[in-house]
Amino acid sequence: MEKDSTVDSSEISYAKFENLDYQDIFDYMLSYERGESYQNLPEIVKQKIYDDFLRDDSITSIIDEKILNHFDKEFTKYYQTKQNKNLFIDMDGTLCDFIPCSDVDILYEEGYFFNLNPRVEFIEAIKGYIKENNPDNVYILSNYLSDSEFAYDEKNRWLDKYIPEVKNSNRIFVPCGEDKSDYIERPLSKSDILFDDYTQNLINWEKNGGKGVKVVNNINNKKGVWKGEKLEQKVSKDSLEKVLASASHDRKNVYKI
């Protein structure tokens, strides 16, 4: 059923929007099709619309879906360009499919890591992000078997093949069993976002000041331990941008195509 965009706005409680004229904001949202520009709004109003107004069910339940989609898209773009984020991306189970094996010796065989299948949708989403943002802010942060003859080299060659846009100096390899956050040579902040399929890595990252996003694959996300941001298996550029905007504001959502 289509939502009624002509509903009397007096039905809405504005108690949470102190010190700002949210009646005007509501009227503005209903009239956006007249060519209004969200960029003309004061910064604090933009932030309040995105953080509170669009996330309040008592408001969104009576606003036309077309209007909601418009504002969600526009403000996602706004925050994506407003904030300088550093993306740290895991490999096994995130950029590529990790193959569980009962015999650990298989992990030490030549070709194991180089032949892992890429997760094409996620790779394309990251490439799209790099194209429109500073590539210096995108990193690979992957554990590797430090006692393997092949793992380190094969992971680098895999990246050269599938996502060479991430330069060598931005590829960080951490010996298995060690904390990834220990290998970042500065204090972490909420602008440092780790995409990883392993919950403990994300917990450690957030304990040290960063922000974690769990990348769902076909073998994880079964126990429900991780309560933070999640990115579903099929990833698009749009869903990546949304989860980045959401992660920056401590909202907890699951995004997918």
C-alpha atoms as a PDB file:
ATOM      1  CA  MET A   1       0.000   0.000   0.000  1.00  0.00           C
ATOM      2  CA  GLU A   2       1.358   3.422  -0.956  1.00  0.00           C
ATOM      3  CA  LYS A   3       2.156   5.711   1.938  1.00  0.00           C
ATOM      4  CA  ASP A   4       0.173   8.931   2.335  1.00  0.00           C
ATOM      5  CA  SER A   5       2.483  11.887   1.694  1.00  0.00           C
ATOM      6  CA  THR A   6      -0.312  14.398   2.547  1.00  0.00           C
ATOM      7  CA  VAL A   7      -0.794  13.275   6.145  1.00  0.00           C
ATOM      8  CA  ASP A   8      -1.135  16.009   8.774  1.00  0.00           C
ATOM      9  CA  SER A   9       2.360  16.440  10.184  1.00  0.00           C
ATOM     10  CA  SER A  10       0.879  17.348  13.588  1.00  0.00           C
ATOM     11  CA  GLU A  11       0.559  13.595  14.134  1.00  0.00           C
ATOM     12  CA  ILE A  12       4.331  13.417  14.562  1.00  0.00           C
ATOM     13  CA  SER A  13       6.039  13.979  17.873  1.00  0.00           C
ATOM     14  CA  TYR A  14       8.908  16.460  17.498  1.00  0.00           C
ATOM     15  CA  ALA A  15      10.100  16.242  21.105  1.00  0.00           C
ATOM     16  CA  LYS A  16      13.398  14.614  20.064  1.00  0.00           C
ATOM     17  CA  PHE A  17      14.160  17.427  17.637  1.00  0.00           C
ATOM     18  CA  GLU A  18      14.751  20.225  20.120  1.00  0.00           C
ATOM     19  CA  ASN A  19      16.201  23.579  19.029  1.00  0.00           C
ATOM     20  CA  LEU A  20      15.424  23.000  15.324  1.00  0.00           C
ATOM     21  CA  ASP A  21      12.297  23.705  13.311  1.00  0.00           C
ATOM     22  CA  TYR A  22      11.480  20.166  12.256  1.00  0.00           C
ATOM     23  CA  GLN A  23       8.066  21.207  10.969  1.00  0.00           C
ATOM     24  CA  ASP A  24       9.981  23.025   8.223  1.00  0.00           C
ATOM     25  CA  ILE A  25      12.168  19.963   7.654  1.00  0.00           C
ATOM     26  CA  PHE A  26       9.117  17.742   7.308  1.00  0.00           C
ATOM     27  CA  ASP A  27       7.510  20.175   4.856  1.00  0.00           C
ATOM     28  CA  TYR A  28      10.764  20.302   2.923  1.00  0.00           C
ATOM     29  CA  MET A  29      10.873  16.514   2.601  1.00  0.00           C
ATOM     30  CA  LEU A  30       7.330  16.476   1.239  1.00  0.00           C
ATOM     31  CA  SER A  31       8.164  19.145  -1.359  1.00  0.00           C
ATOM     32  CA  TYR A  32      11.564  17.906  -2.578  1.00  0.00           C
ATOM     33  CA  GLU A  33      10.193  17.240  -6.081  1.00  0.00           C
ATOM     34  CA  ARG A  34       9.952  20.992  -6.659  1.00  0.00           C
ATOM     35  CA  GLY A  35      13.687  21.056  -7.213  1.00  0.00           C
ATOM     36  CA  GLU A  36      14.755  21.791  -3.664  1.00  0.00           C
ATOM     37  CA  SER A  37      18.391  20.950  -2.868  1.00  0.00           C
ATOM     38  CA  TYR A  38      19.368  19.237   0.382  1.00  0.00           C
ATOM     39  CA  GLN A  39      22.741  20.982   0.039  1.00  0.00           C
ATOM     40  CA  ASN A  40      21.046  24.273   0.956  1.00  0.00           C
ATOM     41  CA  LEU A  41      20.219  23.019   4.427  1.00  0.00           C
ATOM     42  CA  PRO A  42      22.433  23.921   7.417  1.00  0.00           C
ATOM     43  CA  GLU A  43      24.937  21.223   8.350  1.00  0.00           C
ATOM     44  CA  ILE A  44      23.244  20.414  11.656  1.00  0.00           C
ATOM     45  CA  VAL A  45      19.899  19.956   9.892  1.00  0.00           C
ATOM     46  CA  LYS A  46      21.440  17.593   7.343  1.00  0.00           C
ATOM     47  CA  GLN A  47      22.890  15.510  10.130  1.00  0.00           C
ATOM     48  CA  LYS A  48      19.645  15.425  12.089  1.00  0.00           C
ATOM     49  CA  ILE A  49      17.646  14.339   9.035  1.00  0.00           C
ATOM     50  CA  TYR A  50      20.032  11.534   8.283  1.00  0.00           C
ATOM     51  CA  ASP A  51      20.707  10.353  11.832  1.00  0.00           C
ATOM     52  CA  ASP A  52      17.268  10.795  13.377  1.00  0.00           C
ATOM     53  CA  PHE A  53      14.509  11.842  11.023  1.00  0.00           C
ATOM     54  CA  LEU A  54      14.931   9.076   8.444  1.00  0.00           C
ATOM     55  CA  ARG A  55      15.445   6.449  11.159  1.00  0.00           C
ATOM     56  CA  ASP A  56      12.290   7.242  13.139  1.00  0.00           C
ATOM     57  CA  ASP A  57       9.504   4.739  12.354  1.00  0.00           C
ATOM     58  CA  SER A  58       6.821   7.173  13.513  1.00  0.00           C
ATOM     59  CA  ILE A  59       7.935   9.489  10.713  1.00  0.00           C
ATOM     60  CA  THR A  60       8.939   7.133   7.930  1.00  0.00           C
ATOM     61  CA  SER A  61       5.708   5.142   8.269  1.00  0.00           C
ATOM     62  CA  ILE A  62       3.682   8.075   6.927  1.00  0.00           C
ATOM     63  CA  ILE A  63       6.031   9.386   4.251  1.00  0.00           C
ATOM     64  CA  ASP A  64       5.830   8.245   0.657  1.00  0.00           C
ATOM     65  CA  GLU A  65       8.388   5.556  -0.244  1.00  0.00           C
ATOM     66  CA  LYS A  66       9.698   7.593  -3.184  1.00  0.00           C
ATOM     67  CA  ILE A  67      10.569  10.478  -0.884  1.00  0.00           C
ATOM     68  CA  LEU A  68      12.303   8.190   1.610  1.00  0.00           C
ATOM     69  CA  ASN A  69      14.373   6.556  -1.116  1.00  0.00           C
ATOM     70  CA  HIS A  70      15.387   9.942  -2.468  1.00  0.00           C
ATOM     71  CA  PHE A  71      16.589  11.249   0.877  1.00  0.00           C
ATOM     72  CA  ASP A  72      18.294   8.031   1.910  1.00  0.00           C
ATOM     73  CA  LYS A  73      20.264   8.059  -1.349  1.00  0.00           C
ATOM     74  CA  GLU A  74      21.136  11.759  -1.173  1.00  0.00           C
ATOM     75  CA  PHE A  75      22.306  11.681   2.426  1.00  0.00           C
ATOM     76  CA  THR A  76      24.277   8.494   1.924  1.00  0.00           C
ATOM     77  CA  LYS A  77      26.166  10.353  -0.802  1.00  0.00           C
ATOM     78  CA  TYR A  78      26.530  13.350   1.491  1.00  0.00           C
ATOM     79  CA  TYR A  79      28.188  11.409   4.291  1.00  0.00           C
ATOM     80  CA  GLN A  80      30.231   9.321   1.895  1.00  0.00           C
ATOM     81  CA  THR A  81      31.920  12.472   0.577  1.00  0.00           C
ATOM     82  CA  LYS A  82      31.926  14.271   3.932  1.00  0.00           C
ATOM     83  CA  GLN A  83      33.991  11.786   5.867  1.00  0.00           C
ATOM     84  CA  ASN A  84      37.464  10.490   5.228  1.00  0.00           C
ATOM     85  CA  LYS A  85      37.346   6.739   5.780  1.00  0.00           C
ATOM     86  CA  ASN A  86      40.075   4.121   5.765  1.00  0.00           C
ATOM     87  CA  LEU A  87      38.942   0.720   4.538  1.00  0.00           C
ATOM     88  CA  PHE A  88      40.797  -2.369   5.752  1.00  0.00           C
ATOM     89  CA  ILE A  89      39.722  -5.487   3.886  1.00  0.00           C
ATOM     90  CA  ASP A  90      40.327  -9.095   4.806  1.00  0.00           C
ATOM     91  CA  MET A  91      40.997 -11.688   2.104  1.00  0.00           C
ATOM     92  CA  ASP A  92      40.089 -15.288   2.997  1.00  0.00           C
ATOM     93  CA  GLY A  93      36.310 -15.551   3.319  1.00  0.00           C
ATOM     94  CA  THR A  94      35.903 -11.869   2.411  1.00  0.00           C
ATOM     95  CA  LEU A  95      37.508 -11.058  -0.942  1.00  0.00           C
ATOM     96  CA  CYS A  96      37.787 -14.732  -1.832  1.00  0.00           C
ATOM     97  CA  ASP A  97      36.017 -17.955  -0.903  1.00  0.00           C
ATOM     98  CA  PHE A  98      37.829 -19.789   1.864  1.00  0.00           C
ATOM     99  CA  ILE A  99      37.705 -23.566   1.520  1.00  0.00           C
ATOM    100  CA  PRO A 100      37.481 -25.360   4.889  1.00  0.00           C
ATOM    101  CA  CYS A 101      39.588 -28.495   5.008  1.00  0.00           C
ATOM    102  CA  SER A 102      39.912 -31.251   7.578  1.00  0.00           C
ATOM    103  CA  ASP A 103      43.603 -31.727   6.806  1.00  0.00           C
ATOM    104  CA  VAL A 104      45.559 -28.615   7.749  1.00  0.00           C
ATOM    105  CA  ASP A 105      48.445 -29.736   5.552  1.00  0.00           C
ATOM    106  CA  ILE A 106      46.390 -28.749   2.508  1.00  0.00           C
ATOM    107  CA  LEU A 107      46.808 -25.105   3.514  1.00  0.00           C
ATOM    108  CA  TYR A 108      50.551 -25.480   3.047  1.00  0.00           C
ATOM    109  CA  GLU A 109      50.351 -26.906  -0.460  1.00  0.00           C
ATOM    110  CA  GLU A 110      51.574 -24.831  -3.363  1.00  0.00           C
ATOM    111  CA  GLY A 111      48.716 -23.097  -5.147  1.00  0.00           C
ATOM    112  CA  TYR A 112      46.170 -23.304  -2.345  1.00  0.00           C
ATOM    113  CA  PHE A 113      45.883 -19.557  -1.679  1.00  0.00           C
ATOM    114  CA  PHE A 114      46.515 -18.426  -5.237  1.00  0.00           C
ATOM    115  CA  ASN A 115      43.688 -20.622  -6.543  1.00  0.00           C
ATOM    116  CA  LEU A 116      40.986 -19.436  -4.140  1.00  0.00           C
ATOM    117  CA  ASN A 117      37.941 -18.197  -6.052  1.00  0.00           C
ATOM    118  CA  PRO A 118      37.288 -14.445  -5.969  1.00  0.00           C
ATOM    119  CA  ARG A 119      34.052 -13.030  -4.593  1.00  0.00           C
ATOM    120  CA  VAL A 120      33.407 -11.024  -7.703  1.00  0.00           C
ATOM    121  CA  GLU A 121      30.585  -8.796  -6.418  1.00  0.00           C
ATOM    122  CA  PHE A 122      32.608  -7.591  -3.444  1.00  0.00           C
ATOM    123  CA  ILE A 123      35.730  -7.039  -5.536  1.00  0.00           C
ATOM    124  CA  GLU A 124      33.787  -4.987  -8.081  1.00  0.00           C
ATOM    125  CA  ALA A 125      32.222  -2.932  -5.280  1.00  0.00           C
ATOM    126  CA  ILE A 126      35.664  -2.168  -3.836  1.00  0.00           C
ATOM    127  CA  LYS A 127      37.014  -1.277  -7.282  1.00  0.00           C
ATOM    128  CA  GLY A 128      34.096   1.111  -7.741  1.00  0.00           C
ATOM    129  CA  TYR A 129      34.800   2.680  -4.369  1.00  0.00           C
ATOM    130  CA  ILE A 130      38.496   3.118  -5.189  1.00  0.00           C
ATOM    131  CA  LYS A 131      37.627   4.740  -8.509  1.00  0.00           C
ATOM    132  CA  GLU A 132      35.570   7.429  -6.785  1.00  0.00           C
ATOM    133  CA  ASN A 133      37.673   7.882  -3.644  1.00  0.00           C
ATOM    134  CA  ASN A 134      41.286   8.152  -2.569  1.00  0.00           C
ATOM    135  CA  PRO A 135      42.980   4.777  -3.257  1.00  0.00           C
ATOM    136  CA  ASP A 136      45.512   5.564  -0.527  1.00  0.00           C
ATOM    137  CA  ASN A 137      42.732   4.965   2.013  1.00  0.00           C
ATOM    138  CA  VAL A 138      42.016   1.388   0.946  1.00  0.00           C
ATOM    139  CA  TYR A 139      44.086  -1.413   2.497  1.00  0.00           C
ATOM    140  CA  ILE A 140      44.278  -5.170   2.477  1.00  0.00           C
ATOM    141  CA  LEU A 141      44.590  -6.546   6.020  1.00  0.00           C
ATOM    142  CA  SER A 142      44.913 -10.311   5.913  1.00  0.00           C
ATOM    143  CA  ASN A 143      46.268 -13.047   8.147  1.00  0.00           C
ATOM    144  CA  TYR A 144      48.718 -15.478   6.593  1.00  0.00           C
ATOM    145  CA  LEU A 145      50.589 -18.627   7.561  1.00  0.00           C
ATOM    146  CA  SER A 146      54.006 -17.251   8.405  1.00  0.00           C
ATOM    147  CA  ASP A 147      55.492 -20.754   8.435  1.00  0.00           C
ATOM    148  CA  SER A 148      54.227 -21.514   4.922  1.00  0.00           C
ATOM    149  CA  GLU A 149      56.598 -21.496   1.984  1.00  0.00           C
ATOM    150  CA  PHE A 150      53.899 -20.206  -0.370  1.00  0.00           C
ATOM    151  CA  ALA A 151      51.167 -18.264   1.491  1.00  0.00           C
ATOM    152  CA  TYR A 152      52.650 -14.746   1.546  1.00  0.00           C
ATOM    153  CA  ASP A 153      53.714 -14.730  -2.104  1.00  0.00           C
ATOM    154  CA  GLU A 154      50.510 -16.355  -3.324  1.00  0.00           C
ATOM    155  CA  LYS A 155      48.317 -13.847  -1.528  1.00  0.00           C
ATOM    156  CA  ASN A 156      50.197 -10.997  -3.184  1.00  0.00           C
ATOM    157  CA  ARG A 157      49.932 -12.633  -6.598  1.00  0.00           C
ATOM    158  CA  TRP A 158      46.213 -13.213  -6.030  1.00  0.00           C
ATOM    159  CA  LEU A 159      45.762  -9.502  -5.337  1.00  0.00           C
ATOM    160  CA  ASP A 160      47.806  -8.595  -8.419  1.00  0.00           C
ATOM    161  CA  LYS A 161      45.451 -10.726 -10.474  1.00  0.00           C
ATOM    162  CA  TYR A 162      42.068  -9.711  -9.077  1.00  0.00           C
ATOM    163  CA  ILE A 163      42.403  -6.291  -7.472  1.00  0.00           C
ATOM    164  CA  PRO A 164      45.690  -4.623  -8.455  1.00  0.00           C
ATOM    165  CA  GLU A 165      44.097  -1.275  -7.613  1.00  0.00           C
ATOM    166  CA  VAL A 166      45.273  -1.828  -4.028  1.00  0.00           C
ATOM    167  CA  LYS A 167      48.947  -0.989  -4.217  1.00  0.00           C
ATOM    168  CA  ASN A 168      51.669  -3.080  -2.579  1.00  0.00           C
ATOM    169  CA  SER A 169      52.364  -0.519   0.135  1.00  0.00           C
ATOM    170  CA  ASN A 170      48.731  -0.823   1.267  1.00  0.00           C
ATOM    171  CA  ARG A 171      48.828  -4.593   1.673  1.00  0.00           C
ATOM    172  CA  ILE A 172      49.294  -5.596   5.298  1.00  0.00           C
ATOM    173  CA  PHE A 173      49.847  -9.259   6.145  1.00  0.00           C
ATOM    174  CA  VAL A 174      49.543 -10.384   9.747  1.00  0.00           C
ATOM    175  CA  PRO A 175      50.822 -13.762  11.018  1.00  0.00           C
ATOM    176  CA  CYS A 176      47.915 -16.038  11.944  1.00  0.00           C
ATOM    177  CA  GLY A 177      47.019 -15.798  15.606  1.00  0.00           C
ATOM    178  CA  GLU A 178      48.100 -12.172  16.000  1.00  0.00           C
ATOM    179  CA  ASP A 179      45.823  -9.160  16.437  1.00  0.00           C
ATOM    180  CA  LYS A 180      45.329  -7.236  13.203  1.00  0.00           C
ATOM    181  CA  SER A 181      44.969  -3.931  15.011  1.00  0.00           C
ATOM    182  CA  ASP A 182      48.525  -4.302  16.346  1.00  0.00           C
ATOM    183  CA  TYR A 183      49.815  -3.932  12.797  1.00  0.00           C
ATOM    184  CA  ILE A 184      48.329  -0.473  12.248  1.00  0.00           C
ATOM    185  CA  GLU A 185      51.028   2.025  13.134  1.00  0.00           C
ATOM    186  CA  ARG A 186      48.733   4.598  14.737  1.00  0.00           C
ATOM    187  CA  PRO A 187      45.700   4.675  17.040  1.00  0.00           C
ATOM    188  CA  LEU A 188      42.488   3.474  15.421  1.00  0.00           C
ATOM    189  CA  SER A 189      39.361   5.621  15.128  1.00  0.00           C
ATOM    190  CA  LYS A 190      35.772   5.100  13.960  1.00  0.00           C
ATOM    191  CA  SER A 191      36.944   6.158  10.497  1.00  0.00           C
ATOM    192  CA  ASP A 192      39.042   2.968  10.309  1.00  0.00           C
ATOM    193  CA  ILE A 193      36.603   0.339   9.068  1.00  0.00           C
ATOM    194  CA  LEU A 194      37.546  -3.343   8.954  1.00  0.00           C
ATOM    195  CA  PHE A 195      35.667  -5.699   6.633  1.00  0.00           C
ATOM    196  CA  ASP A 196      36.225  -9.226   7.913  1.00  0.00           C
ATOM    197  CA  ASP A 197      34.385 -12.538   8.087  1.00  0.00           C
ATOM    198  CA  TYR A 198      35.855 -13.555  11.458  1.00  0.00           C
ATOM    199  CA  THR A 199      34.056 -12.170  14.510  1.00  0.00           C
ATOM    200  CA  GLN A 200      37.058 -12.191  16.857  1.00  0.00           C
ATOM    201  CA  ASN A 201      39.022  -9.992  14.447  1.00  0.00           C
ATOM    202  CA  LEU A 202      36.137  -7.504  14.464  1.00  0.00           C
ATOM    203  CA  ILE A 203      35.820  -7.553  18.255  1.00  0.00           C
ATOM    204  CA  ASN A 204      39.546  -6.890  18.690  1.00  0.00           C
ATOM    205  CA  TRP A 205      39.386  -4.111  16.102  1.00  0.00           C
ATOM    206  CA  GLU A 206      36.536  -2.313  17.862  1.00  0.00           C
ATOM    207  CA  LYS A 207      38.154  -2.745  21.287  1.00  0.00           C
ATOM    208  CA  ASN A 208      41.088  -0.788  19.887  1.00  0.00           C
ATOM    209  CA  GLY A 209      38.941   2.064  18.609  1.00  0.00           C
ATOM    210  CA  GLY A 210      38.042   1.034  15.041  1.00  0.00           C
ATOM    211  CA  LYS A 211      34.741   0.080  13.448  1.00  0.00           C
ATOM    212  CA  GLY A 212      33.991  -3.460  12.273  1.00  0.00           C
ATOM    213  CA  VAL A 213      31.739  -4.778   9.506  1.00  0.00           C
ATOM    214  CA  LYS A 214      31.135  -8.515   9.302  1.00  0.00           C
ATOM    215  CA  VAL A 215      31.196  -9.875   5.770  1.00  0.00           C
ATOM    216  CA  VAL A 216      28.754 -12.753   5.582  1.00  0.00           C
ATOM    217  CA  ASN A 217      29.759 -15.839   3.614  1.00  0.00           C
ATOM    218  CA  ASN A 218      28.507 -19.410   3.264  1.00  0.00           C
ATOM    219  CA  ILE A 219      30.208 -20.701   6.417  1.00  0.00           C
ATOM    220  CA  ASN A 220      29.941 -17.916   9.027  1.00  0.00           C
ATOM    221  CA  ASN A 221      27.152 -15.929  10.720  1.00  0.00           C
ATOM    222  CA  LYS A 222      25.506 -19.022  12.230  1.00  0.00           C
ATOM    223  CA  LYS A 223      25.908 -18.355  15.960  1.00  0.00           C
ATOM    224  CA  GLY A 224      24.761 -14.745  16.050  1.00  0.00           C
ATOM    225  CA  VAL A 225      27.679 -13.578  18.202  1.00  0.00           C
ATOM    226  CA  TRP A 226      28.374 -10.457  16.143  1.00  0.00           C
ATOM    227  CA  LYS A 227      25.793  -7.734  16.830  1.00  0.00           C
ATOM    228  CA  GLY A 228      27.348  -4.958  14.750  1.00  0.00           C
ATOM    229  CA  GLU A 229      27.237  -4.012  11.077  1.00  0.00           C
ATOM    230  CA  LYS A 230      26.978  -6.792   8.504  1.00  0.00           C
ATOM    231  CA  LEU A 231      27.386  -6.959   4.749  1.00  0.00           C
ATOM    232  CA  GLU A 232      25.555  -9.778   3.018  1.00  0.00           C
ATOM    233  CA  GLN A 233      27.104 -12.245   0.572  1.00  0.00           C
ATOM    234  CA  LYS A 234      25.988 -10.443  -2.579  1.00  0.00           C
ATOM    235  CA  VAL A 235      27.530  -6.994  -2.453  1.00  0.00           C
ATOM    236  CA  SER A 236      26.951  -4.014  -4.712  1.00  0.00           C
ATOM    237  CA  LYS A 237      28.565  -0.595  -4.828  1.00  0.00           C
ATOM    238  CA  ASP A 238      25.349   0.840  -3.413  1.00  0.00           C
ATOM    239  CA  SER A 239      25.190  -1.571  -0.469  1.00  0.00           C
ATOM    240  CA  LEU A 240      28.866  -0.915   0.292  1.00  0.00           C
ATOM    241  CA  GLU A 241      28.265   2.846   0.386  1.00  0.00           C
ATOM    242  CA  LYS A 242      25.260   2.401   2.658  1.00  0.00           C
ATOM    243  CA  VAL A 243      27.063   0.242   5.171  1.00  0.00           C
ATOM    244  CA  LEU A 244      29.974   2.711   5.222  1.00  0.00           C
ATOM    245  CA  ALA A 245      27.630   5.608   5.925  1.00  0.00           C
ATOM    246  CA  SER A 246      25.807   3.585   8.570  1.00  0.00           C
ATOM    247  CA  ALA A 247      29.006   2.340  10.220  1.00  0.00           C
ATOM    248  CA  SER A 248      30.215   5.905  10.560  1.00  0.00           C
ATOM    249  CA  HIS A 249      27.185   6.733  12.677  1.00  0.00           C
ATOM    250  CA  ASP A 250      27.125   3.617  14.869  1.00  0.00           C
ATOM    251  CA  ARG A 251      23.901   2.272  13.416  1.00  0.00           C
ATOM    252  CA  LYS A 252      23.644  -1.490  13.150  1.00  0.00           C
ATOM    253  CA  ASN A 253      22.184  -2.709   9.896  1.00  0.00           C
ATOM    254  CA  VAL A 254      22.436  -5.514   7.383  1.00  0.00           C
ATOM    255  CA  TYR A 255      22.805  -4.452   3.773  1.00  0.00           C
ATOM    256  CA  LYS A 256      22.440  -6.494   0.632  1.00  0.00           C
ATOM    257  CA  ILE A 257      21.370  -6.056  -2.955  1.00  0.00           C
END
